[in-house]
Amino acid sequence: MEALRASVERALSPKSTGNKATTSGKATARRTPAKKRVRSAPREDLSSLSKADLYKKSAATDVSGRSHIARDDLVKALSSG
């Protein structure tokens, strides 16, 4: 009977499971770490850019019809997406 008890104690030891051994034989619950907030990049002030700069940005983001869009409409298109 003593050999069985020793075997159970070894099975519940912290070395084999990574958790603390308990008297009931159940492992203790671990807390999960809190999730970190991911902040978005600060928005660029598009209204201060030239139409050429806005065109380059709209080309990079694939705004359709960008060659025919007015400067103010490019600002609106880029700030919405």
Protein backbone atom coordinates (compact mmCIF):
# COMPACT_ATOMS: atom_id res chain seq x y z
CA MET A 1 0.00 0.00 0.00
CA GLU A 2 2.90 2.36 0.77
CA ALA A 3 4.33 1.82 -2.73
CA LEU A 4 1.02 2.82 -4.28
CA ARG A 5 0.85 5.97 -2.16
CA ALA A 6 4.42 6.92 -3.14
CA SER A 7 3.60 6.35 -6.81
CA VAL A 8 0.57 8.64 -6.59
CA GLU A 9 2.63 11.32 -4.84
CA ARG A 10 5.26 11.19 -7.59
CA ALA A 11 2.56 11.47 -10.24
CA LEU A 12 1.17 14.60 -8.59
CA SER A 13 4.54 16.23 -7.93
CA PRO A 14 5.20 19.69 -9.47
CA LYS A 15 8.22 18.38 -11.40
CA SER A 16 6.18 16.10 -13.63
CA THR A 17 3.13 18.33 -14.22
CA GLY A 18 4.45 21.86 -13.90
CA ASN A 19 1.68 22.61 -11.40
CA LYS A 20 1.56 22.36 -7.64
CA ALA A 21 0.36 19.07 -6.28
CA THR A 22 -2.86 19.32 -4.30
CA THR A 23 -4.39 17.05 -1.73
CA SER A 24 -7.42 16.39 -3.92
CA GLY A 25 -5.24 15.43 -6.88
CA LYS A 26 -6.54 18.23 -9.10
CA ALA A 27 -4.14 20.71 -10.64
CA THR A 28 -4.55 24.33 -9.65
CA ALA A 29 -5.88 26.70 -12.31
CA ARG A 30 -3.42 29.17 -13.79
CA ARG A 31 -4.35 32.71 -14.66
CA THR A 32 -3.89 33.73 -18.22
CA PRO A 33 -1.93 36.95 -18.70
CA ALA A 34 -3.91 40.06 -19.59
CA LYS A 35 -4.01 40.96 -23.27
CA LYS A 36 -2.18 44.10 -24.28
CA ARG A 37 -3.97 46.83 -26.15
CA VAL A 38 -2.92 47.42 -29.69
CA ARG A 39 -3.06 51.07 -30.60
CA SER A 40 -3.53 52.18 -34.14
CA ALA A 41 -1.10 54.60 -35.68
CA PRO A 42 -2.06 58.24 -35.34
CA ARG A 43 -4.01 59.52 -38.31
CA GLU A 44 -2.12 61.74 -40.70
CA ASP A 45 -3.58 65.15 -41.50
CA LEU A 46 -4.43 64.60 -45.16
CA SER A 47 -5.82 68.09 -45.67
CA SER A 48 -2.31 69.58 -45.54
CA LEU A 49 -1.00 67.38 -48.39
CA SER A 50 -0.79 68.46 -52.00
CA LYS A 51 -2.90 66.78 -54.69
CA ALA A 52 0.22 65.03 -55.99
CA ASP A 53 0.93 63.58 -52.55
CA LEU A 54 -2.71 62.56 -52.18
CA TYR A 55 -2.53 60.90 -55.61
CA LYS A 56 0.53 58.89 -54.54
CA LYS A 57 -1.20 57.76 -51.37
CA SER A 58 -4.36 56.88 -53.27
CA ALA A 59 -2.31 54.85 -55.75
CA ALA A 60 -0.72 52.95 -52.87
CA THR A 61 -4.15 52.14 -51.42
CA ASP A 62 -5.66 51.42 -54.85
CA VAL A 63 -8.42 54.05 -54.84
CA SER A 64 -10.37 53.54 -58.04
CA GLY A 65 -10.82 56.55 -60.32
CA ARG A 66 -8.13 58.52 -58.51
CA SER A 67 -6.92 60.28 -61.65
CA HIS A 68 -10.35 61.91 -62.10
CA ILE A 69 -11.08 62.70 -58.46
CA ALA A 70 -10.78 66.25 -57.07
CA ARG A 71 -8.35 66.96 -54.25
CA ASP A 72 -11.06 67.23 -51.55
CA ASP A 73 -12.60 63.97 -52.69
CA LEU A 74 -9.20 62.27 -52.50
CA VAL A 75 -8.93 63.45 -48.89
CA LYS A 76 -12.37 61.96 -48.16
CA ALA A 77 -11.55 58.70 -49.94
CA LEU A 78 -8.25 58.26 -48.10
CA SER A 79 -9.60 59.19 -44.68
CA SER A 80 -12.53 56.76 -44.92
CA GLY A 81 -10.37 53.74 -45.74
